[in-house]
Amino acid sequence: MRVISLNANGIRSAARKGLFDWLPEQQADILCLQEIKAQMSDLEGDRTFSPDGWHAHFNHAQKKGYAGTAIFSRREPDAVIDRLGVAEFDDEGRYIELRFGKLSVSSLYLPSGSSGPERQASKDRFLDFFLPQMREWITSGRDYILCGDWNIAHRNIDLKNWRSNQKNSGFLPHERAWLDRLFDEVGWVDAYRALYPETEGEAYTWWSNRGQAWANNVGWRIDYQIVTPSLRDKLRAAAVYKDSRFSDHAPLTLDYAL
């Protein structure tokens, strides 16, 4: 099974840049998108967003042109879940989950704190809420693939300029420690790192639009597929696609023996 995850930075923008022309070539089973920046009324009537052979599910933010998540799947899911139970995050469309038997595939868009203290506080509230949720899911007996923009670079090798970013949102000590707990204490698996423990520059998934970040590969690895331990032995390959640009993020592809 091939799963692709991408922060689209606007699904309509990504479509204009060729995302849905590229998708049929990928032999993917599931595409998870974050930051779709569109409501259903924006997409209705455009076949681009309901491609043949795909089941499309969206969770949009109440605020127009903001946040939101989506999943496109080849198989029709048994169930769709688009609520975490916290209005602050549900109103921003930050989570959607498709269930196929005992497998759950989710698209998650964790808040960014880079725009100021208010948004960092929202991000920290999300982290406080979500770790207990992850503890519950890992003991549920279900297999989970959590795709998304987590807005945290975990280790020094996960961003180019780590020394100068230690006081910036996305690489703050308490954010990195949260991922430490998620992986080392709770037991979730960073799928890319399980396959390629020490890969640096080619693992980056996001580049600032400032300066020459893309041209100089001054990137961050903030997009992950995080899975339950039951899926560790099912991991086969991972890649970040950089030949075309659909967004300021790059698609992250994982292959699973499922």
C-alpha atoms as a PDB file:
ATOM      1  CA  MET A   1       0.000   0.000   0.000  1.00  0.00           C
ATOM      2  CA  ARG A   2       1.343   3.410  -0.980  1.00  0.00           C
ATOM      3  CA  VAL A   3       0.415   6.440   1.118  1.00  0.00           C
ATOM      4  CA  ILE A   4       1.322  10.012   0.161  1.00  0.00           C
ATOM      5  CA  SER A   5       1.119  12.988   2.505  1.00  0.00           C
ATOM      6  CA  LEU A   6       1.381  16.659   1.516  1.00  0.00           C
ATOM      7  CA  ASN A   7       0.707  20.044   3.038  1.00  0.00           C
ATOM      8  CA  ALA A   8      -0.869  21.543  -0.076  1.00  0.00           C
ATOM      9  CA  ASN A   9      -0.776  25.186   1.098  1.00  0.00           C
ATOM     10  CA  GLY A  10      -4.114  25.509  -0.665  1.00  0.00           C
ATOM     11  CA  ILE A  11      -5.628  22.586  -2.566  1.00  0.00           C
ATOM     12  CA  ARG A  12      -6.675  24.816  -5.457  1.00  0.00           C
ATOM     13  CA  SER A  13      -3.174  26.272  -5.695  1.00  0.00           C
ATOM     14  CA  ALA A  14      -1.621  22.789  -5.635  1.00  0.00           C
ATOM     15  CA  ALA A  15      -4.034  21.666  -8.349  1.00  0.00           C
ATOM     16  CA  ARG A  16      -3.029  24.583 -10.585  1.00  0.00           C
ATOM     17  CA  LYS A  17       0.599  23.536 -10.091  1.00  0.00           C
ATOM     18  CA  GLY A  18      -0.151  20.022 -11.324  1.00  0.00           C
ATOM     19  CA  LEU A  19      -0.798  17.928  -8.195  1.00  0.00           C
ATOM     20  CA  PHE A  20      -3.736  16.039  -9.666  1.00  0.00           C
ATOM     21  CA  ASP A  21      -1.952  15.531 -12.985  1.00  0.00           C
ATOM     22  CA  TRP A  22       0.978  13.993 -11.102  1.00  0.00           C
ATOM     23  CA  LEU A  23      -1.140  11.803  -8.812  1.00  0.00           C
ATOM     24  CA  PRO A  24      -2.235   9.155 -11.384  1.00  0.00           C
ATOM     25  CA  GLU A  25       1.421   8.392 -12.116  1.00  0.00           C
ATOM     26  CA  GLN A  26       2.204   7.546  -8.477  1.00  0.00           C
ATOM     27  CA  GLN A  27       0.286   4.274  -8.101  1.00  0.00           C
ATOM     28  CA  ALA A  28      -0.865   5.552  -4.744  1.00  0.00           C
ATOM     29  CA  ASP A  29      -3.661   4.069  -2.663  1.00  0.00           C
ATOM     30  CA  ILE A  30      -4.148   7.064  -0.369  1.00  0.00           C
ATOM     31  CA  LEU A  31      -3.357  10.774  -0.566  1.00  0.00           C
ATOM     32  CA  CYS A  32      -3.525  12.791   2.663  1.00  0.00           C
ATOM     33  CA  LEU A  33      -3.596  16.582   2.354  1.00  0.00           C
ATOM     34  CA  GLN A  34      -3.247  19.296   4.947  1.00  0.00           C
ATOM     35  CA  GLU A  35      -3.890  23.041   4.810  1.00  0.00           C
ATOM     36  CA  ILE A  36      -6.397  22.716   1.982  1.00  0.00           C
ATOM     37  CA  LYS A  37      -7.602  26.303   2.566  1.00  0.00           C
ATOM     38  CA  ALA A  38     -10.963  25.598   0.975  1.00  0.00           C
ATOM     39  CA  GLN A  39     -14.527  24.888   1.961  1.00  0.00           C
ATOM     40  CA  MET A  40     -16.813  22.478   0.122  1.00  0.00           C
ATOM     41  CA  SER A  41     -18.630  25.332  -1.614  1.00  0.00           C
ATOM     42  CA  ASP A  42     -15.278  26.337  -3.154  1.00  0.00           C
ATOM     43  CA  LEU A  43     -14.744  22.892  -4.693  1.00  0.00           C
ATOM     44  CA  GLU A  44     -18.222  21.780  -5.736  1.00  0.00           C
ATOM     45  CA  GLY A  45     -18.654  21.213  -9.444  1.00  0.00           C
ATOM     46  CA  ASP A  46     -14.922  20.953 -10.154  1.00  0.00           C
ATOM     47  CA  ARG A  47     -14.076  17.399 -11.166  1.00  0.00           C
ATOM     48  CA  THR A  48     -10.433  18.040 -10.298  1.00  0.00           C
ATOM     49  CA  PHE A  49     -11.318  17.470  -6.652  1.00  0.00           C
ATOM     50  CA  SER A  50     -13.373  14.315  -7.238  1.00  0.00           C
ATOM     51  CA  PRO A  51     -11.088  12.412  -9.631  1.00  0.00           C
ATOM     52  CA  ASP A  52     -12.246   9.160 -11.200  1.00  0.00           C
ATOM     53  CA  GLY A  53     -11.344   6.114  -9.154  1.00  0.00           C
ATOM     54  CA  TRP A  54     -10.957   8.028  -5.901  1.00  0.00           C
ATOM     55  CA  HIS A  55     -13.116   8.581  -2.831  1.00  0.00           C
ATOM     56  CA  ALA A  56     -12.593  12.145  -1.560  1.00  0.00           C
ATOM     57  CA  HIS A  57     -13.268  13.227   2.021  1.00  0.00           C
ATOM     58  CA  PHE A  58     -12.734  16.738   3.352  1.00  0.00           C
ATOM     59  CA  ASN A  59     -12.745  18.446   6.732  1.00  0.00           C
ATOM     60  CA  HIS A  60     -12.658  22.186   6.192  1.00  0.00           C
ATOM     61  CA  ALA A  61     -12.133  24.993   8.668  1.00  0.00           C
ATOM     62  CA  GLN A  62     -15.005  27.279   9.571  1.00  0.00           C
ATOM     63  CA  LYS A  63     -12.787  30.212   8.621  1.00  0.00           C
ATOM     64  CA  LYS A  64     -12.607  30.571   4.848  1.00  0.00           C
ATOM     65  CA  GLY A  65      -9.231  30.110   3.208  1.00  0.00           C
ATOM     66  CA  TYR A  66      -7.677  28.563   6.303  1.00  0.00           C
ATOM     67  CA  ALA A  67      -6.302  25.191   7.486  1.00  0.00           C
ATOM     68  CA  GLY A  68      -8.423  22.095   6.764  1.00  0.00           C
ATOM     69  CA  THR A  69      -7.550  18.505   5.855  1.00  0.00           C
ATOM     70  CA  ALA A  70      -8.550  15.937   3.229  1.00  0.00           C
ATOM     71  CA  ILE A  71      -7.977  12.308   2.269  1.00  0.00           C
ATOM     72  CA  PHE A  72      -8.346  10.726  -1.169  1.00  0.00           C
ATOM     73  CA  SER A  73      -8.545   6.911  -1.129  1.00  0.00           C
ATOM     74  CA  ARG A  74      -8.864   4.246  -3.782  1.00  0.00           C
ATOM     75  CA  ARG A  75     -11.004   2.101  -1.480  1.00  0.00           C
ATOM     76  CA  GLU A  76     -14.214   3.330   0.026  1.00  0.00           C
ATOM     77  CA  PRO A  77     -13.673   3.563   3.790  1.00  0.00           C
ATOM     78  CA  ASP A  78     -15.785   1.770   6.345  1.00  0.00           C
ATOM     79  CA  ALA A  79     -16.015   4.943   8.397  1.00  0.00           C
ATOM     80  CA  VAL A  80     -14.933   8.586   8.358  1.00  0.00           C
ATOM     81  CA  ILE A  81     -14.050  10.477  11.533  1.00  0.00           C
ATOM     82  CA  ASP A  82     -13.488  14.226  11.405  1.00  0.00           C
ATOM     83  CA  ARG A  83     -13.708  15.293  15.030  1.00  0.00           C
ATOM     84  CA  LEU A  84     -11.196  15.159  17.866  1.00  0.00           C
ATOM     85  CA  GLY A  85     -13.690  16.468  20.410  1.00  0.00           C
ATOM     86  CA  VAL A  86     -12.052  19.853  21.048  1.00  0.00           C
ATOM     87  CA  ALA A  87     -13.815  22.782  19.391  1.00  0.00           C
ATOM     88  CA  GLU A  88     -10.656  24.880  19.042  1.00  0.00           C
ATOM     89  CA  PHE A  89      -9.118  22.284  16.729  1.00  0.00           C
ATOM     90  CA  ASP A  90     -12.261  20.825  15.170  1.00  0.00           C
ATOM     91  CA  ASP A  91     -13.342  24.300  14.045  1.00  0.00           C
ATOM     92  CA  GLU A  92     -10.075  24.539  12.097  1.00  0.00           C
ATOM     93  CA  GLY A  93     -10.541  21.144  10.375  1.00  0.00           C
ATOM     94  CA  ARG A  94      -7.261  19.810  11.704  1.00  0.00           C
ATOM     95  CA  TYR A  95      -8.035  16.077  11.592  1.00  0.00           C
ATOM     96  CA  ILE A  96      -9.722  13.521   9.383  1.00  0.00           C
ATOM     97  CA  GLU A  97      -9.495   9.730   9.654  1.00  0.00           C
ATOM     98  CA  LEU A  98     -10.587   6.966   7.296  1.00  0.00           C
ATOM     99  CA  ARG A  99     -11.086   3.467   8.654  1.00  0.00           C
ATOM    100  CA  PHE A 100     -10.535   0.304   6.633  1.00  0.00           C
ATOM    101  CA  GLY A 101     -11.155  -2.707   8.854  1.00  0.00           C
ATOM    102  CA  LYS A 102      -8.679  -2.382  11.730  1.00  0.00           C
ATOM    103  CA  LEU A 103      -6.521   0.133   9.831  1.00  0.00           C
ATOM    104  CA  SER A 104      -6.926   3.864  10.360  1.00  0.00           C
ATOM    105  CA  VAL A 105      -5.286   6.389   8.020  1.00  0.00           C
ATOM    106  CA  SER A 106      -5.406   9.977   9.212  1.00  0.00           C
ATOM    107  CA  SER A 107      -4.508  13.404   7.893  1.00  0.00           C
ATOM    108  CA  LEU A 108      -3.399  15.781  10.633  1.00  0.00           C
ATOM    109  CA  TYR A 109      -2.489  19.447  10.494  1.00  0.00           C
ATOM    110  CA  LEU A 110      -0.895  20.460  13.762  1.00  0.00           C
ATOM    111  CA  PRO A 111      -1.069  24.192  14.553  1.00  0.00           C
ATOM    112  CA  SER A 112       1.923  26.357  13.710  1.00  0.00           C
ATOM    113  CA  GLY A 113       3.258  28.734  16.321  1.00  0.00           C
ATOM    114  CA  SER A 114       5.434  30.781  13.999  1.00  0.00           C
ATOM    115  CA  SER A 115       3.089  33.752  13.651  1.00  0.00           C
ATOM    116  CA  GLY A 116       3.240  34.760  17.309  1.00  0.00           C
ATOM    117  CA  PRO A 117       2.588  33.894  20.979  1.00  0.00           C
ATOM    118  CA  GLU A 118      -1.163  33.390  20.520  1.00  0.00           C
ATOM    119  CA  ARG A 119      -0.694  30.715  17.887  1.00  0.00           C
ATOM    120  CA  GLN A 120       2.148  29.101  19.850  1.00  0.00           C
ATOM    121  CA  ALA A 121      -0.201  28.877  22.819  1.00  0.00           C
ATOM    122  CA  SER A 122      -2.772  27.117  20.608  1.00  0.00           C
ATOM    123  CA  LYS A 123      -0.076  24.734  19.389  1.00  0.00           C
ATOM    124  CA  ASP A 124       0.949  23.960  22.963  1.00  0.00           C
ATOM    125  CA  ARG A 125      -2.686  23.291  23.907  1.00  0.00           C
ATOM    126  CA  PHE A 126      -2.880  20.867  21.005  1.00  0.00           C
ATOM    127  CA  LEU A 127       0.250  19.047  22.180  1.00  0.00           C
ATOM    128  CA  ASP A 128      -1.154  18.805  25.722  1.00  0.00           C
ATOM    129  CA  PHE A 129      -4.405  17.379  24.393  1.00  0.00           C
ATOM    130  CA  PHE A 130      -2.981  15.085  21.734  1.00  0.00           C
ATOM    131  CA  LEU A 131      -0.389  13.070  23.653  1.00  0.00           C
ATOM    132  CA  PRO A 132      -3.034  11.390  25.866  1.00  0.00           C
ATOM    133  CA  GLN A 133      -5.050  10.772  22.699  1.00  0.00           C
ATOM    134  CA  MET A 134      -2.038   9.063  21.132  1.00  0.00           C
ATOM    135  CA  ARG A 135      -1.589   6.958  24.267  1.00  0.00           C
ATOM    136  CA  GLU A 136      -5.182   5.811  23.930  1.00  0.00           C
ATOM    137  CA  TRP A 137      -4.912   4.990  20.236  1.00  0.00           C
ATOM    138  CA  ILE A 138      -1.725   2.942  20.590  1.00  0.00           C
ATOM    139  CA  THR A 139      -3.482   0.609  23.027  1.00  0.00           C
ATOM    140  CA  SER A 140      -6.741   0.436  21.041  1.00  0.00           C
ATOM    141  CA  GLY A 141      -5.796  -2.619  18.976  1.00  0.00           C
ATOM    142  CA  ARG A 142      -6.083  -0.616  15.767  1.00  0.00           C
ATOM    143  CA  ASP A 143      -3.261  -0.006  13.278  1.00  0.00           C
ATOM    144  CA  TYR A 144      -2.720   3.708  12.657  1.00  0.00           C
ATOM    145  CA  ILE A 145      -0.931   5.684   9.957  1.00  0.00           C
ATOM    146  CA  LEU A 146      -0.959   9.336  11.034  1.00  0.00           C
ATOM    147  CA  CYS A 147       0.082  11.491   8.086  1.00  0.00           C
ATOM    148  CA  GLY A 148       0.592  15.169   8.367  1.00  0.00           C
ATOM    149  CA  ASP A 149       2.340  18.421   8.886  1.00  0.00           C
ATOM    150  CA  TRP A 150       3.383  18.180  12.520  1.00  0.00           C
ATOM    151  CA  ASN A 151       5.163  21.563  12.443  1.00  0.00           C
ATOM    152  CA  ILE A 152       8.058  20.227  14.542  1.00  0.00           C
ATOM    153  CA  ALA A 153      11.539  19.231  13.407  1.00  0.00           C
ATOM    154  CA  HIS A 154      12.611  16.492  15.771  1.00  0.00           C
ATOM    155  CA  ARG A 155      16.422  16.335  15.708  1.00  0.00           C
ATOM    156  CA  ASN A 156      19.340  18.449  14.511  1.00  0.00           C
ATOM    157  CA  ILE A 157      19.509  16.456  11.272  1.00  0.00           C
ATOM    158  CA  ASP A 158      15.896  17.421  10.534  1.00  0.00           C
ATOM    159  CA  LEU A 159      16.667  21.010   9.558  1.00  0.00           C
ATOM    160  CA  LYS A 160      19.562  22.779   7.911  1.00  0.00           C
ATOM    161  CA  ASN A 161      20.079  25.684  10.306  1.00  0.00           C
ATOM    162  CA  TRP A 162      19.377  24.003  13.617  1.00  0.00           C
ATOM    163  CA  ARG A 163      21.720  26.165  15.686  1.00  0.00           C
ATOM    164  CA  SER A 164      19.968  29.421  14.781  1.00  0.00           C
ATOM    165  CA  ASN A 165      16.450  27.979  15.163  1.00  0.00           C
ATOM    166  CA  GLN A 166      16.588  26.680  18.718  1.00  0.00           C
ATOM    167  CA  LYS A 167      14.425  29.566  19.971  1.00  0.00           C
ATOM    168  CA  ASN A 168      11.986  29.442  17.054  1.00  0.00           C
ATOM    169  CA  SER A 169       8.636  27.673  16.898  1.00  0.00           C
ATOM    170  CA  GLY A 170       9.009  24.310  15.254  1.00  0.00           C
ATOM    171  CA  PHE A 171      12.325  23.571  16.950  1.00  0.00           C
ATOM    172  CA  LEU A 172      11.676  24.667  20.526  1.00  0.00           C
ATOM    173  CA  PRO A 173      13.049  22.358  23.229  1.00  0.00           C
ATOM    174  CA  HIS A 174       9.628  21.487  24.624  1.00  0.00           C
ATOM    175  CA  GLU A 175       8.284  20.676  21.133  1.00  0.00           C
ATOM    176  CA  ARG A 176      11.190  18.352  20.423  1.00  0.00           C
ATOM    177  CA  ALA A 177      10.799  16.770  23.860  1.00  0.00           C
ATOM    178  CA  TRP A 178       7.137  16.115  23.028  1.00  0.00           C
ATOM    179  CA  LEU A 179       8.228  14.043  20.021  1.00  0.00           C
ATOM    180  CA  ASP A 180      10.808  12.286  22.211  1.00  0.00           C
ATOM    181  CA  ARG A 181       7.997  11.216  24.520  1.00  0.00           C
ATOM    182  CA  LEU A 182       5.765  10.194  21.627  1.00  0.00           C
ATOM    183  CA  PHE A 183       8.430   7.927  20.142  1.00  0.00           C
ATOM    184  CA  ASP A 184      10.531   6.782  23.100  1.00  0.00           C
ATOM    185  CA  GLU A 185       7.953   6.653  25.884  1.00  0.00           C
ATOM    186  CA  VAL A 186       4.576   6.072  24.228  1.00  0.00           C
ATOM    187  CA  GLY A 187       6.051   3.905  21.467  1.00  0.00           C
ATOM    188  CA  TRP A 188       4.865   5.434  18.182  1.00  0.00           C
ATOM    189  CA  VAL A 189       7.159   5.011  15.162  1.00  0.00           C
ATOM    190  CA  ASP A 190       8.492   7.734  12.860  1.00  0.00           C
ATOM    191  CA  ALA A 191       8.141   5.717   9.641  1.00  0.00           C
ATOM    192  CA  TYR A 192      10.724   7.622   7.606  1.00  0.00           C
ATOM    193  CA  ARG A 193      13.356   7.471  10.356  1.00  0.00           C
ATOM    194  CA  ALA A 194      12.675   3.782  10.953  1.00  0.00           C
ATOM    195  CA  LEU A 195      13.806   3.192   7.370  1.00  0.00           C
ATOM    196  CA  TYR A 196      16.473   5.893   7.062  1.00  0.00           C
ATOM    197  CA  PRO A 197      17.790   6.798  10.535  1.00  0.00           C
ATOM    198  CA  GLU A 198      20.464   9.303   9.537  1.00  0.00           C
ATOM    199  CA  THR A 199      19.382  10.791   6.184  1.00  0.00           C
ATOM    200  CA  GLU A 200      19.680  14.591   6.245  1.00  0.00           C
ATOM    201  CA  GLY A 201      19.094  16.984   3.331  1.00  0.00           C
ATOM    202  CA  GLU A 202      17.052  14.670   1.150  1.00  0.00           C
ATOM    203  CA  ALA A 203      14.613  14.144   4.031  1.00  0.00           C
ATOM    204  CA  TYR A 204      13.533  17.797   4.218  1.00  0.00           C
ATOM    205  CA  THR A 205       9.871  18.400   3.385  1.00  0.00           C
ATOM    206  CA  TRP A 206       9.436  22.180   3.802  1.00  0.00           C
ATOM    207  CA  TRP A 207      11.353  25.255   2.659  1.00  0.00           C
ATOM    208  CA  SER A 208      10.665  28.865   3.558  1.00  0.00           C
ATOM    209  CA  ASN A 209       9.633  31.160   0.722  1.00  0.00           C
ATOM    210  CA  ARG A 210      12.155  33.673   2.018  1.00  0.00           C
ATOM    211  CA  GLY A 211      15.546  34.097   0.450  1.00  0.00           C
ATOM    212  CA  GLN A 212      16.884  31.163  -1.543  1.00  0.00           C
ATOM    213  CA  ALA A 213      15.790  28.404   0.856  1.00  0.00           C
ATOM    214  CA  TRP A 214      14.610  26.031  -1.884  1.00  0.00           C
ATOM    215  CA  ALA A 215      17.528  26.685  -4.199  1.00  0.00           C
ATOM    216  CA  ASN A 216      20.016  26.121  -1.373  1.00  0.00           C
ATOM    217  CA  ASN A 217      18.058  23.269   0.238  1.00  0.00           C
ATOM    218  CA  VAL A 218      17.732  25.152   3.521  1.00  0.00           C
ATOM    219  CA  GLY A 219      14.863  22.960   4.610  1.00  0.00           C
ATOM    220  CA  TRP A 220      13.048  21.373   7.520  1.00  0.00           C
ATOM    221  CA  ARG A 221      11.634  17.885   7.992  1.00  0.00           C
ATOM    222  CA  ILE A 222       8.275  18.647   9.598  1.00  0.00           C
ATOM    223  CA  ASP A 223       6.002  16.300   7.633  1.00  0.00           C
ATOM    224  CA  TYR A 224       5.744  12.767   8.985  1.00  0.00           C
ATOM    225  CA  GLN A 225       3.924   9.501   8.714  1.00  0.00           C
ATOM    226  CA  ILE A 226       3.800   8.260  12.290  1.00  0.00           C
ATOM    227  CA  VAL A 227       2.592   4.695  12.797  1.00  0.00           C
ATOM    228  CA  THR A 228       1.738   2.201  15.491  1.00  0.00           C
ATOM    229  CA  PRO A 229       4.497  -0.320  16.337  1.00  0.00           C
ATOM    230  CA  SER A 230       2.391  -3.031  14.684  1.00  0.00           C
ATOM    231  CA  LEU A 231       3.260  -1.466  11.314  1.00  0.00           C
ATOM    232  CA  ARG A 232       7.025  -1.129  11.800  1.00  0.00           C
ATOM    233  CA  ASP A 233       7.715  -4.449  10.084  1.00  0.00           C
ATOM    234  CA  LYS A 234       5.387  -3.461   7.234  1.00  0.00           C
ATOM    235  CA  LEU A 235       7.522  -0.468   6.172  1.00  0.00           C
ATOM    236  CA  ARG A 236       9.196  -0.960   2.815  1.00  0.00           C
ATOM    237  CA  ALA A 237      10.334   2.374   1.349  1.00  0.00           C
ATOM    238  CA  ALA A 238      10.035   6.128   1.785  1.00  0.00           C
ATOM    239  CA  ALA A 239      10.773   9.089  -0.449  1.00  0.00           C
ATOM    240  CA  VAL A 240      10.335  12.852  -0.632  1.00  0.00           C
ATOM    241  CA  TYR A 241       9.337  14.014  -4.123  1.00  0.00           C
ATOM    242  CA  LYS A 242      11.136  17.160  -5.277  1.00  0.00           C
ATOM    243  CA  ASP A 243      11.066  17.067  -9.077  1.00  0.00           C
ATOM    244  CA  SER A 244       8.010  19.334  -9.189  1.00  0.00           C
ATOM    245  CA  ARG A 245       6.724  21.857  -6.666  1.00  0.00           C
ATOM    246  CA  PHE A 246       3.052  21.835  -5.755  1.00  0.00           C
ATOM    247  CA  SER A 247       3.502  23.746  -2.494  1.00  0.00           C
ATOM    248  CA  ASP A 248       6.169  25.065  -0.135  1.00  0.00           C
ATOM    249  CA  HIS A 249       6.099  21.478   1.195  1.00  0.00           C
ATOM    250  CA  ALA A 250       7.053  18.323  -0.721  1.00  0.00           C
ATOM    251  CA  PRO A 251       5.033  15.086  -0.895  1.00  0.00           C
ATOM    252  CA  LEU A 252       6.186  12.338   1.476  1.00  0.00           C
ATOM    253  CA  THR A 253       5.535   8.819   0.170  1.00  0.00           C
ATOM    254  CA  LEU A 254       5.649   5.629   2.238  1.00  0.00           C
ATOM    255  CA  ASP A 255       5.197   2.091   0.954  1.00  0.00           C
ATOM    256  CA  TYR A 256       3.686  -0.492   3.316  1.00  0.00           C
ATOM    257  CA  ALA A 257       3.376  -4.257   2.908  1.00  0.00           C
ATOM    258  CA  LEU A 258      -0.361  -4.188   3.549  1.00  0.00           C
END
